[in-house]
Amino acid sequence: MRIGLLTEGGYPYVGGEGGLWCDRLVRGLGQHEFDVYAFSTGEAQEDAGWVPLPPQVGRVRTAPLWAAEDDGVAYGRRARRRFSEHYGELAAALCTATDPTAPGPELATSEADRFATALRGLAELARDEGGLVAALRSETAVRALERACRAPGALRAAREARVPDLLAVAAHLERALRPLSLDWYEEDGLGAVDLCHAAAGGVAALPGLLAHHFFGIPLLVTEYGVRLRTHYLTRPDASPAVRSLLAAFHRRLAAETYRRAAFITPGNTHARRWQERCGADRAKLRTVYPGMDAAPFEEAGESPESADPHTLVWVGRVEPAKDLVSLLHAFAEIRKEEPRSRLRIIGGPSDPEGAAYLGHCEALAAHLFPDEAEGPYSAGANPVSFEEIGGPGLATPADAYASGAVTVLSSVVEGFPVGLVEAMLCGRATVSTDVGAVVEAIGGTGLVVPPRNPQALAEACVSLLRDPERRVRLGAAARARALELFTVDQNIAAFHGIYLEIVARTPVRRLLLDDTGDPLPFATPAEAHVPGHWTDPAPRAVPTGAMDTRVPATETAR
């Protein structure tokens, strides 16, 4: 089977987000061939290069989303008319007051079809003329967007859009629609694969939509983090008109992607609920948990007694969403009940905002917990330490989790808690806040408290610090659950079955050729060309002569 793997900012780039699970998937399915179609998100990512690729990767084609040169395509009068018509329809679908995810199919279908038709029209125009970049940057695009915003029935926020807002929205649409101008949609490109697997929703799935439109290639969409939710949470400083129009575009793109996909594989129930709210058909949804390599955590998981019984551990990326402030206040209450307890915060920031937040947390820890000394002439140590993986005694994440008896997660926003699953693989008891897919991940193998509640977090931690037997039971149960649900083998087996199911439902469309380039006779079984829809519930017409013919009740007749 030949798979077209579609990624954005991930595989095969070094350090790409989400690239690790793609690499494990490709290496685990060595019986298939993979063609990787990847979008890069920055010049630094391209300069860093690719990860080592296994032999089953047949080809890699890349395109930058962060920059696009003017294609220099000059449209004639007819092409300009086609562009104005399709782009105007696309803009009108964004400015309408109807919600494609609202209840009532009659309300949503017409606008969804309008958006899909406009998107396909732009793709066909780009294919016919050789590109769309110059047209998307033209004054024609801005004027079409302005007409849609001023049309009767447009959203109030759209009607209030000013020239800077229109320019900002047009620029974003130009970036989002860059995949339409690529040369990937040829018979020897995406037209040659058996199915397209988009490793994310949004723009990453757009080539899969076009491959489905031009060649009938089935599409599988995997979302471990729902891109539409991310777009809702970004651009807080933009005007209401910009936020409204961009949210409408990504909402309609997500709805069209879910409608055309053969299957959708969310990484957890939290993502699944988002997808259902955005129009995904429940019959197409298959939850596939992220696959994690359990081998690095095996030693820690088999030796729970090696942990310091008085140490709490937090591991992750330092940022405001992790709510380390509440954790520090909770630890102040823990110290009152368990004076020997210590807290190790292991992780670093990934951006300037995280660095500023780390500095704030370090200052708060210094204020809440003055350095302790045994006497007036000795140096003291703070019970809270800030460390990073790779420091003394912390060569790997497994070393970080193994250093404490209890792992704590204090987030207020969380998708699938990968760090929590790593702690489970290490056989550690956990205390977590009830956010995202936390409860789904841990089941009944850890304690869960409300977010932003330091008192509840402190009480749960104290209860485990005082009960070593309970810690051991919960840790063993957590490790067993993680090994059952969240390993690489489980992930690969699930996708292998889904691949086969999709291809089994898809009719053969390609003409197979022999070594000389001539059609290969009998290459496709006759069953693949049965006319009509054999799954149609309508009964078939029976010849009159056959109705009166009696068949002996033999074993062969049955």
Protein backbone atom coordinates (compact mmCIF):
# COMPACT_ATOMS: atom_id res chain seq x y z
CA MET A 1 0.00 0.00 0.00
CA ARG A 2 1.25 3.49 -0.82
CA ILE A 3 0.48 6.16 1.78
CA GLY A 4 0.69 9.91 1.22
CA LEU A 5 1.63 11.29 4.67
CA LEU A 6 0.72 14.99 4.99
CA THR A 7 2.42 16.99 7.75
CA GLU A 8 2.75 20.62 8.84
CA GLY A 9 5.80 21.68 10.84
CA GLY A 10 6.58 18.11 11.86
CA TYR A 11 7.94 14.98 10.19
CA PRO A 12 10.49 14.70 8.60
CA TYR A 13 12.03 17.86 10.10
CA VAL A 14 14.31 17.61 13.13
CA GLY A 15 12.43 18.64 16.25
CA GLY A 16 9.17 19.10 14.40
CA GLU A 17 6.07 19.12 16.56
CA GLY A 18 4.31 15.78 16.28
CA GLY A 19 7.16 14.36 14.23
CA LEU A 20 8.02 11.63 16.72
CA TRP A 21 4.78 9.71 16.40
CA CYS A 22 4.93 9.99 12.59
CA ASP A 23 8.44 8.54 12.61
CA ARG A 24 7.32 5.65 14.83
CA LEU A 25 4.32 5.03 12.57
CA VAL A 26 6.38 4.96 9.37
CA ARG A 27 9.05 2.69 10.88
CA GLY A 28 6.45 0.39 12.40
CA LEU A 29 4.60 -0.12 9.10
CA GLY A 30 7.54 -1.37 7.06
CA GLN A 31 5.25 -3.38 4.77
CA HIS A 32 3.85 -0.13 3.29
CA GLU A 33 5.45 2.60 1.19
CA PHE A 34 5.23 6.21 2.31
CA ASP A 35 5.41 9.43 0.30
CA VAL A 36 5.83 12.39 2.67
CA TYR A 37 4.37 15.77 1.73
CA ALA A 38 5.51 18.25 4.36
CA PHE A 39 4.95 21.94 5.05
CA SER A 40 7.75 23.77 6.87
CA THR A 41 6.97 26.57 9.32
CA GLY A 42 10.21 28.55 9.27
CA GLU A 43 13.65 28.98 7.80
CA ALA A 44 15.30 27.67 10.98
CA GLN A 45 13.34 24.45 10.68
CA GLU A 46 14.46 23.94 7.10
CA ASP A 47 18.09 24.68 8.01
CA ALA A 48 17.97 22.06 10.79
CA GLY A 49 17.33 19.36 8.19
CA TRP A 50 15.50 16.05 8.39
CA VAL A 51 15.56 13.10 10.72
CA PRO A 52 17.07 9.87 9.28
CA LEU A 53 14.43 8.32 7.04
CA PRO A 54 13.68 4.57 6.85
CA PRO A 55 13.79 2.78 3.47
CA GLN A 56 9.99 2.64 3.18
CA VAL A 57 9.88 6.41 2.60
CA GLY A 58 9.83 6.56 -1.18
CA ARG A 59 9.92 10.32 -1.65
CA VAL A 60 9.72 13.57 0.29
CA ARG A 61 8.27 16.76 -1.14
CA THR A 62 8.29 19.95 0.92
CA ALA A 63 6.83 23.44 0.63
CA PRO A 64 7.20 26.48 2.91
CA LEU A 65 4.12 27.98 4.53
CA TRP A 66 6.13 30.85 6.01
CA ALA A 67 7.14 32.37 2.65
CA ALA A 68 5.96 32.26 -0.94
CA GLU A 69 7.42 34.03 -3.93
CA ASP A 70 5.16 35.68 -6.45
CA ASP A 71 4.46 33.03 -9.07
CA GLY A 72 4.38 35.66 -11.81
CA VAL A 73 1.23 34.16 -13.35
CA ALA A 74 -0.67 36.78 -15.34
CA TYR A 75 -4.34 35.96 -15.65
CA GLY A 76 -6.33 36.74 -18.76
CA ARG A 77 -9.80 38.21 -18.69
CA ARG A 78 -11.56 34.87 -18.36
CA ALA A 79 -9.23 33.67 -15.57
CA ARG A 80 -9.65 36.95 -13.68
CA ARG A 81 -13.43 36.54 -13.91
CA ARG A 82 -13.19 32.97 -12.60
CA PHE A 83 -10.98 34.05 -9.70
CA SER A 84 -13.25 36.93 -8.74
CA GLU A 85 -16.27 34.63 -8.81
CA HIS A 86 -14.75 31.81 -6.73
CA TYR A 87 -12.96 34.05 -4.24
CA GLY A 88 -16.13 36.11 -3.82
CA GLU A 89 -18.11 32.97 -3.06
CA LEU A 90 -15.48 31.89 -0.54
CA ALA A 91 -15.59 35.27 1.18
CA ALA A 92 -19.39 35.27 1.19
CA ALA A 93 -19.39 31.88 2.91
CA LEU A 94 -17.18 33.37 5.65
CA CYS A 95 -19.32 36.46 6.13
CA THR A 96 -22.65 34.68 6.40
CA ALA A 97 -24.40 34.67 9.76
CA THR A 98 -25.01 30.88 9.72
CA ASP A 99 -22.82 28.51 11.70
CA PRO A 100 -21.79 25.31 9.83
CA THR A 101 -21.69 23.42 13.13
CA ALA A 102 -25.12 24.60 14.31
CA PRO A 103 -27.94 22.04 14.69
CA GLY A 104 -30.11 21.60 11.65
CA PRO A 105 -28.67 20.20 8.42
CA GLU A 106 -30.82 22.45 6.22
CA LEU A 107 -29.18 25.55 7.69
CA ALA A 108 -25.61 24.32 7.39
CA THR A 109 -25.56 22.34 4.14
CA SER A 110 -26.06 25.17 1.68
CA GLU A 111 -23.26 27.33 3.10
CA ALA A 112 -20.97 24.33 3.52
CA ASP A 113 -21.51 23.43 -0.14
CA ARG A 114 -20.91 27.04 -1.10
CA PHE A 115 -17.56 27.07 0.70
CA ALA A 116 -16.54 23.69 -0.73
CA THR A 117 -17.50 24.67 -4.28
CA ALA A 118 -15.53 27.91 -4.04
CA LEU A 119 -12.50 26.09 -2.63
CA ARG A 120 -12.56 23.51 -5.41
CA GLY A 121 -13.04 26.23 -8.00
CA LEU A 122 -9.93 28.05 -6.78
CA ALA A 123 -7.96 24.78 -6.84
CA GLU A 124 -9.02 24.05 -10.41
CA LEU A 125 -8.13 27.60 -11.44
CA ALA A 126 -4.66 27.26 -9.88
CA ARG A 127 -4.17 23.96 -11.69
CA ASP A 128 -5.26 25.39 -15.05
CA GLU A 129 -3.30 28.64 -14.82
CA GLY A 130 -0.20 27.44 -12.96
CA GLY A 131 -0.63 29.24 -9.66
CA LEU A 132 -2.79 31.37 -7.42
CA VAL A 133 -0.35 33.35 -5.28
CA ALA A 134 -0.39 36.60 -7.30
CA ALA A 135 -4.19 36.56 -7.55
CA LEU A 136 -4.63 36.03 -3.80
CA ARG A 137 -2.39 39.05 -3.19
CA SER A 138 -4.18 41.26 -5.71
CA GLU A 139 -6.54 44.17 -5.18
CA THR A 140 -9.26 41.99 -6.73
CA ALA A 141 -9.13 39.69 -3.69
CA VAL A 142 -9.42 42.58 -1.23
CA ARG A 143 -12.33 44.11 -3.13
CA ALA A 144 -14.15 40.77 -3.29
CA LEU A 145 -13.71 40.39 0.46
CA GLU A 146 -15.02 43.92 1.01
CA ARG A 147 -18.13 43.26 -1.11
CA ALA A 148 -18.86 40.13 0.91
CA CYS A 149 -18.51 42.04 4.18
CA ARG A 150 -20.89 44.77 3.02
CA ALA A 151 -23.49 42.41 1.54
CA PRO A 152 -26.94 42.07 3.17
CA GLY A 153 -27.04 39.30 5.75
CA ALA A 154 -23.34 39.48 6.56
CA LEU A 155 -22.15 39.10 10.13
CA ARG A 156 -22.18 42.27 12.16
CA ALA A 157 -18.47 41.92 12.87
CA ALA A 158 -17.82 41.54 9.13
CA ARG A 159 -19.84 44.65 8.31
CA GLU A 160 -17.70 46.62 10.75
CA ALA A 161 -14.43 45.56 9.07
CA ARG A 162 -12.18 48.45 8.04
CA VAL A 163 -9.46 48.54 5.41
CA PRO A 164 -6.67 47.34 7.79
CA ASP A 165 -8.93 44.45 8.84
CA LEU A 166 -9.62 43.47 5.23
CA LEU A 167 -5.91 43.55 4.40
CA ALA A 168 -5.09 41.39 7.44
CA VAL A 169 -7.75 38.81 6.56
CA ALA A 170 -6.73 38.72 2.89
CA ALA A 171 -3.09 38.18 3.88
CA HIS A 172 -4.05 35.28 6.17
CA LEU A 173 -6.20 33.67 3.48
CA GLU A 174 -3.31 33.96 1.02
CA ARG A 175 -1.05 32.04 3.42
CA ALA A 176 -3.70 29.44 4.21
CA LEU A 177 -4.49 28.82 0.52
CA ARG A 178 -0.89 28.48 -0.65
CA PRO A 179 -1.25 24.67 -0.90
CA LEU A 180 -3.67 25.22 -3.80
CA SER A 181 -0.83 26.48 -5.98
CA LEU A 182 1.50 23.50 -5.48
CA ASP A 183 2.35 20.99 -8.19
CA TRP A 184 1.60 18.01 -5.97
CA TYR A 185 -1.74 17.20 -7.62
CA GLU A 186 -0.55 15.17 -10.60
CA GLU A 187 -0.91 11.54 -11.62
CA ASP A 188 2.64 10.82 -10.43
CA GLY A 189 2.15 12.85 -7.23
CA LEU A 190 -0.73 12.50 -4.81
CA GLY A 191 -2.70 10.87 -7.61
CA ALA A 192 -0.42 7.82 -7.29
CA VAL A 193 -1.07 7.03 -3.61
CA ASP A 194 -3.67 4.64 -2.24
CA LEU A 195 -4.70 6.96 0.58
CA CYS A 196 -3.74 10.30 2.13
CA HIS A 197 -3.05 10.43 5.86
CA ALA A 198 -3.06 13.97 7.25
CA ALA A 199 -1.11 14.13 10.52
CA ALA A 200 -3.10 17.22 11.55
CA GLY A 201 -6.19 19.11 10.54
CA GLY A 202 -6.38 22.56 9.01
CA VAL A 203 -3.94 23.50 6.26
CA ALA A 204 -2.08 20.17 6.55
CA ALA A 205 -5.22 18.33 5.39
CA LEU A 206 -5.86 20.68 2.44
CA PRO A 207 -3.71 18.66 -0.04
CA GLY A 208 -5.68 15.59 0.99
CA LEU A 209 -8.94 17.37 0.17
CA LEU A 210 -7.62 18.27 -3.28
CA ALA A 211 -6.33 14.73 -3.91
CA HIS A 212 -9.80 13.47 -3.02
CA HIS A 213 -11.38 15.98 -5.41
CA PHE A 214 -9.06 15.42 -8.38
CA PHE A 215 -8.42 11.66 -8.08
CA GLY A 216 -10.86 10.25 -5.54
CA ILE A 217 -8.05 9.38 -3.10
CA PRO A 218 -9.50 8.56 0.35
CA LEU A 219 -8.45 10.81 3.24
CA LEU A 220 -7.62 9.89 6.84
CA VAL A 221 -7.27 12.77 9.34
CA THR A 222 -5.47 12.37 12.68
CA GLU A 223 -5.71 15.14 15.28
CA TYR A 224 -3.97 14.85 18.62
CA GLY A 225 -4.69 18.54 19.15
CA VAL A 226 -7.69 20.07 17.37
CA ARG A 227 -6.36 22.86 15.15
CA LEU A 228 -9.67 24.72 15.16
CA ARG A 229 -9.51 25.08 18.94
CA THR A 230 -6.00 26.54 18.57
CA HIS A 231 -7.25 29.15 16.11
CA TYR A 232 -10.00 30.15 18.53
CA LEU A 233 -7.40 30.83 21.22
CA THR A 234 -4.91 32.79 19.08
CA ARG A 235 -4.82 36.44 17.97
CA PRO A 236 -6.40 37.88 21.16
CA ASP A 237 -5.22 41.37 20.16
CA ALA A 238 -6.86 41.35 16.71
CA SER A 239 -10.04 43.28 15.99
CA PRO A 240 -13.43 41.52 16.26
CA ALA A 241 -13.78 41.56 12.48
CA VAL A 242 -10.45 39.80 11.92
CA ARG A 243 -11.12 37.21 14.63
CA SER A 244 -14.62 36.54 13.32
CA LEU A 245 -13.63 36.08 9.66
CA LEU A 246 -10.57 33.95 10.37
CA ALA A 247 -12.49 31.78 12.81
CA ALA A 248 -15.18 31.32 10.15
CA PHE A 249 -12.60 30.23 7.58
CA HIS A 250 -10.96 27.64 9.82
CA ARG A 251 -14.34 26.44 11.08
CA ARG A 252 -15.60 25.84 7.56
CA LEU A 253 -12.31 24.25 6.49
CA ALA A 254 -12.52 21.86 9.45
CA ALA A 255 -16.14 21.00 8.65
CA GLU A 256 -15.30 20.30 5.00
CA THR A 257 -12.29 18.19 5.99
CA TYR A 258 -14.39 16.10 8.39
CA ARG A 259 -17.12 15.71 5.79
CA ARG A 260 -14.78 14.40 3.07
CA ALA A 261 -12.57 12.23 5.30
CA ALA A 262 -13.08 8.49 5.20
CA PHE A 263 -12.09 8.27 8.88
CA ILE A 264 -11.07 10.73 11.60
CA THR A 265 -8.78 9.55 14.40
CA PRO A 266 -8.76 11.82 17.46
CA GLY A 267 -6.12 11.15 20.08
CA ASN A 268 -8.55 11.24 23.00
CA THR A 269 -12.19 11.81 23.93
CA HIS A 270 -11.55 15.51 24.61
CA ALA A 271 -10.48 16.02 20.96
CA ARG A 272 -13.32 13.78 19.80
CA ARG A 273 -15.93 16.02 21.43
CA TRP A 274 -14.43 19.04 19.67
CA GLN A 275 -14.57 17.23 16.33
CA GLU A 276 -18.20 16.21 16.83
CA ARG A 277 -19.07 19.81 17.69
CA CYS A 278 -17.38 20.90 14.44
CA GLY A 279 -19.50 18.58 12.33
CA ALA A 280 -17.61 15.26 12.33
CA ASP A 281 -19.81 12.20 11.80
CA ARG A 282 -19.63 9.82 14.75
CA ALA A 283 -19.54 6.85 12.40
CA LYS A 284 -16.21 8.08 11.02
CA LEU A 285 -14.49 8.60 14.38
CA ARG A 286 -11.91 6.12 15.70
CA THR A 287 -10.01 7.10 18.84
CA VAL A 288 -6.31 6.19 18.54
CA TYR A 289 -4.16 7.10 21.54
CA PRO A 290 -0.63 8.41 20.94
CA GLY A 291 1.95 5.65 20.91
CA MET A 292 4.86 6.01 23.33
CA ASP A 293 8.05 4.02 23.62
CA ALA A 294 7.92 2.23 26.97
CA ALA A 295 11.49 0.93 26.89
CA PRO A 296 13.24 4.06 28.33
CA PHE A 297 10.92 3.92 31.37
CA GLU A 298 11.17 0.20 32.03
CA GLU A 299 13.94 0.35 34.64
CA ALA A 300 12.15 3.04 36.66
CA GLY A 301 8.85 1.21 36.34
CA GLU A 302 10.31 -2.02 37.68
CA SER A 303 11.93 -0.36 40.72
CA PRO A 304 9.39 1.94 42.43
CA GLU A 305 11.24 1.61 45.74
CA SER A 306 14.10 3.74 44.36
CA ALA A 307 12.07 6.94 44.66
CA ASP A 308 12.60 9.41 47.48
CA PRO A 309 9.44 8.96 49.61
CA HIS A 310 9.32 12.66 50.54
CA THR A 311 9.76 14.19 47.06
CA LEU A 312 7.11 15.53 44.70
CA VAL A 313 8.06 15.93 41.02
CA TRP A 314 6.64 18.18 38.32
CA VAL A 315 7.96 17.64 34.76
CA GLY A 316 7.03 19.62 31.68
CA ARG A 317 7.41 22.83 29.67
CA VAL A 318 7.28 25.95 31.84
CA GLU A 319 4.46 28.24 30.70
CA PRO A 320 1.47 30.00 32.32
CA ALA A 321 -0.97 27.24 31.30
CA LYS A 322 0.86 24.83 33.62
CA ASP A 323 -0.14 26.98 36.63
CA LEU A 324 3.01 26.48 38.68
CA VAL A 325 1.87 29.36 40.90
CA SER A 326 -0.97 27.23 42.27
CA LEU A 327 1.46 24.34 42.69
CA LEU A 328 3.82 26.49 44.77
CA HIS A 329 0.97 27.70 47.00
CA ALA A 330 -0.21 24.10 47.37
CA PHE A 331 3.30 23.06 48.36
CA ALA A 332 3.29 25.72 51.09
CA GLU A 333 0.31 23.88 52.62
CA ILE A 334 2.01 20.52 52.11
CA ARG A 335 5.08 21.68 54.04
CA LYS A 336 2.91 22.51 57.03
CA GLU A 337 1.72 18.89 57.17
CA GLU A 338 4.90 17.18 55.95
CA PRO A 339 7.95 19.31 56.86
CA ARG A 340 10.41 16.91 55.19
CA SER A 341 8.75 17.10 51.79
CA ARG A 342 10.52 18.59 48.78
CA LEU A 343 9.35 19.75 45.34
CA ARG A 344 11.42 19.34 42.17
CA ILE A 345 10.21 21.41 39.18
CA ILE A 346 11.96 19.92 36.16
CA GLY A 347 11.66 21.65 32.80
CA GLY A 348 12.44 24.85 30.96
CA PRO A 349 10.64 27.52 28.95
CA SER A 350 10.26 27.40 25.17
CA ASP A 351 9.63 31.09 24.48
CA PRO A 352 10.10 34.54 26.09
CA GLU A 353 6.71 34.34 27.77
CA GLY A 354 7.72 31.06 29.41
CA ALA A 355 11.06 32.52 30.49
CA ALA A 356 9.30 35.44 32.17
CA TYR A 357 6.88 33.05 33.88
CA LEU A 358 9.80 30.92 35.13
CA GLY A 359 11.41 33.99 36.66
CA HIS A 360 8.15 34.87 38.42
CA CYS A 361 7.85 31.32 39.82
CA GLU A 362 11.44 31.33 41.07
CA ALA A 363 10.82 34.64 42.86
CA LEU A 364 7.61 33.29 44.38
CA ALA A 365 9.39 30.14 45.60
CA ALA A 366 12.13 32.24 47.20
CA HIS A 367 9.47 34.30 48.98
CA LEU A 368 7.35 31.35 50.18
CA PHE A 369 10.24 29.09 51.19
CA PRO A 370 13.28 30.84 52.68
CA ASP A 371 16.46 28.80 52.54
CA GLU A 372 16.65 26.35 55.43
CA ALA A 373 19.84 25.91 57.46
CA GLU A 374 20.69 23.57 60.32
CA GLY A 375 22.45 26.31 62.23
CA PRO A 376 23.28 30.03 62.17
CA TYR A 377 26.66 29.41 60.53
CA SER A 378 25.66 26.95 57.78
CA ALA A 379 24.22 27.53 54.33
CA GLY A 380 20.64 26.49 53.74
CA ALA A 381 18.81 24.96 50.81
CA ASN A 382 15.40 25.79 49.42
CA PRO A 383 12.89 22.89 49.48
CA VAL A 384 11.84 23.87 45.95
CA SER A 385 14.35 23.31 43.13
CA PHE A 386 14.15 24.37 39.48
CA GLU A 387 16.03 21.99 37.19
CA GLU A 388 16.14 20.83 33.57
CA ILE A 389 16.52 17.48 31.83
CA GLY A 390 20.21 16.94 31.22
CA GLY A 391 21.28 18.40 34.54
CA PRO A 392 23.00 16.53 37.39
CA GLY A 393 21.31 13.19 37.90
CA LEU A 394 18.62 13.96 35.28
CA ALA A 395 20.03 12.59 32.05
CA THR A 396 16.62 11.41 30.77
CA PRO A 397 12.92 12.06 31.52
CA ALA A 398 12.82 8.64 33.22
CA ASP A 399 15.41 9.88 35.72
CA ALA A 400 13.20 12.88 36.47
CA TYR A 401 10.09 10.81 37.22
CA ALA A 402 12.08 8.20 39.14
CA SER A 403 13.46 10.82 41.53
CA GLY A 404 10.13 11.38 43.27
CA ALA A 405 7.46 9.30 44.92
CA VAL A 406 4.55 11.34 43.48
CA THR A 407 4.26 13.11 40.12
CA VAL A 408 2.11 16.24 40.09
CA LEU A 409 0.31 17.93 37.17
CA SER A 410 -1.20 21.34 37.96
CA SER A 411 -2.29 22.56 34.49
CA VAL A 412 -5.34 24.67 33.75
CA VAL A 413 -5.20 23.81 30.01
CA GLU A 414 -4.06 20.43 28.71
CA GLY A 415 -4.64 18.28 25.65
CA PHE A 416 -3.41 14.73 25.95
CA PRO A 417 -1.06 14.63 29.00
CA VAL A 418 2.01 12.94 27.56
CA GLY A 419 4.08 13.73 30.66
CA LEU A 420 1.48 12.08 32.85
CA VAL A 421 1.61 8.91 30.74
CA GLU A 422 5.41 8.89 31.06
CA ALA A 423 5.02 9.01 34.84
CA MET A 424 2.56 6.11 34.60
CA LEU A 425 5.07 4.09 32.59
CA CYS A 426 7.55 4.74 35.43
CA GLY A 427 5.07 3.25 37.89
CA ARG A 428 4.59 6.49 39.82
CA ALA A 429 1.46 7.58 41.65
CA THR A 430 0.04 10.84 40.26
CA VAL A 431 -1.98 13.83 41.41
CA SER A 432 -3.51 15.82 38.55
CA THR A 433 -5.96 18.58 37.80
CA ASP A 434 -9.14 17.66 35.95
CA VAL A 435 -8.43 19.28 32.56
CA GLY A 436 -8.32 18.04 28.97
CA ALA A 437 -7.90 14.28 28.65
CA VAL A 438 -6.34 13.76 32.10
CA VAL A 439 -9.13 11.60 33.53
CA GLU A 440 -9.28 9.58 30.33
CA ALA A 441 -5.53 8.93 30.46
CA ILE A 442 -5.18 7.88 34.10
CA GLY A 443 -8.54 6.15 34.56
CA GLY A 444 -8.72 5.23 38.24
CA THR A 445 -4.97 4.95 38.75
CA GLY A 446 -4.35 8.43 40.20
CA LEU A 447 -5.91 11.24 42.19
CA VAL A 448 -7.68 14.08 40.36
CA VAL A 449 -8.55 17.50 41.81
CA PRO A 450 -10.18 20.65 40.37
CA PRO A 451 -7.85 23.12 38.59
CA ARG A 452 -6.79 26.35 40.33
CA ASN A 453 -7.47 24.80 43.74
CA PRO A 454 -4.20 24.73 45.76
CA GLN A 455 -5.93 23.41 48.88
CA ALA A 456 -7.35 20.34 47.10
CA LEU A 457 -4.03 19.74 45.37
CA ALA A 458 -2.22 19.89 48.72
CA GLU A 459 -4.61 17.49 50.45
CA ALA A 460 -4.27 14.91 47.66
CA CYS A 461 -0.46 15.09 47.75
CA VAL A 462 -0.34 14.77 51.53
CA SER A 463 -2.60 11.72 51.45
CA LEU A 464 -0.18 9.94 49.12
CA LEU A 465 2.96 11.03 50.94
CA ARG A 466 1.55 9.53 54.14
CA ASP A 467 0.47 6.23 52.55
CA PRO A 468 3.36 4.41 50.84
CA GLU A 469 1.34 1.23 50.26
CA ARG A 470 -1.32 3.18 48.38
CA ARG A 471 1.38 4.84 46.29
CA VAL A 472 2.73 1.45 45.27
CA ARG A 473 -0.73 0.12 44.34
CA LEU A 474 -1.61 3.18 42.27
CA GLY A 475 1.77 3.20 40.57
CA ALA A 476 1.53 -0.46 39.58
CA ALA A 477 -2.00 0.03 38.25
CA ALA A 478 -0.91 3.13 36.33
CA ARG A 479 1.97 1.29 34.68
CA ALA A 480 -0.27 -1.61 33.68
CA ARG A 481 -2.81 0.80 32.15
CA ALA A 482 -0.15 2.71 30.20
CA LEU A 483 1.36 -0.50 28.83
CA GLU A 484 -2.08 -1.66 27.73
CA LEU A 485 -3.29 1.54 26.02
CA PHE A 486 -0.48 3.94 25.19
CA THR A 487 2.39 1.99 23.61
CA VAL A 488 3.77 2.30 20.10
CA ASP A 489 2.59 -1.21 19.21
CA GLN A 490 -1.02 -0.32 20.05
CA ASN A 491 -0.82 2.83 17.94
CA ILE A 492 0.71 1.10 14.92
CA ALA A 493 -1.73 -1.81 15.03
CA ALA A 494 -4.69 0.59 15.14
CA PHE A 495 -3.53 2.57 12.11
CA HIS A 496 -2.66 -0.59 10.18
CA GLY A 497 -6.22 -1.82 10.63
CA ILE A 498 -7.69 1.54 9.63
CA TYR A 499 -5.52 1.68 6.49
CA LEU A 500 -6.79 -1.72 5.39
CA GLU A 501 -10.39 -0.81 6.15
CA ILE A 502 -10.19 2.39 4.10
CA VAL A 503 -8.60 0.72 1.07
CA ALA A 504 -11.08 -2.16 1.24
CA ARG A 505 -13.92 0.35 0.93
CA THR A 506 -12.33 2.28 -1.93
CA PRO A 507 -12.83 1.17 -5.55
CA VAL A 508 -9.75 0.72 -7.74
CA ARG A 509 -9.31 3.78 -9.94
CA ARG A 510 -5.79 3.58 -11.32
CA LEU A 511 -4.84 1.86 -14.57
CA LEU A 512 -1.98 -0.55 -13.89
CA LEU A 513 0.77 -0.77 -16.53
CA ASP A 514 3.35 -3.42 -17.33
CA ASP A 515 7.09 -2.91 -17.90
CA THR A 516 6.53 -1.64 -21.44
CA GLY A 517 3.95 0.94 -20.39
CA ASP A 518 0.96 -0.96 -21.78
CA PRO A 519 -2.17 -1.70 -19.70
CA LEU A 520 -1.70 -4.84 -17.65
CA PRO A 521 -4.51 -7.33 -18.51
CA PHE A 522 -6.54 -8.75 -15.64
CA ALA A 523 -4.64 -6.55 -13.16
CA THR A 524 -7.87 -5.42 -11.56
CA PRO A 525 -10.48 -7.99 -10.48
CA ALA A 526 -13.85 -7.72 -12.16
CA GLU A 527 -15.55 -7.10 -8.82
CA ALA A 528 -13.92 -3.68 -8.73
CA HIS A 529 -15.95 -2.60 -11.79
CA VAL A 530 -19.44 -3.73 -10.83
CA PRO A 531 -21.71 -0.90 -12.05
CA GLY A 532 -23.87 0.98 -9.59
CA HIS A 533 -23.69 0.91 -5.79
CA TRP A 534 -23.73 -2.63 -4.49
CA THR A 535 -24.44 -1.30 -1.01
CA ASP A 536 -27.66 0.35 -2.20
CA PRO A 537 -30.50 -0.89 0.05
CA ALA A 538 -32.99 -0.76 -2.87
CA PRO A 539 -33.91 -4.30 -4.06
CA ARG A 540 -32.72 -5.37 -7.47
CA ALA A 541 -35.14 -6.22 -10.25
CA VAL A 542 -35.59 -10.00 -10.69
CA PRO A 543 -36.16 -11.44 -14.19
CA THR A 544 -39.68 -12.78 -14.66
CA GLY A 545 -38.50 -16.19 -15.80
CA ALA A 546 -36.41 -16.66 -12.71
CA MET A 547 -39.32 -16.12 -10.33
CA ASP A 548 -41.03 -19.37 -11.32
CA THR A 549 -37.89 -21.49 -11.35
CA ARG A 550 -37.51 -23.83 -8.40
CA VAL A 551 -34.00 -24.62 -7.20
CA PRO A 552 -33.39 -27.95 -5.44
CA ALA A 553 -32.36 -27.55 -1.83
CA THR A 554 -28.87 -28.90 -2.29
CA GLU A 555 -25.76 -27.84 -0.43
CA THR A 556 -24.40 -26.18 -3.60
CA ALA A 557 -27.59 -24.14 -4.07
CA ARG A 558 -27.26 -22.77 -0.59
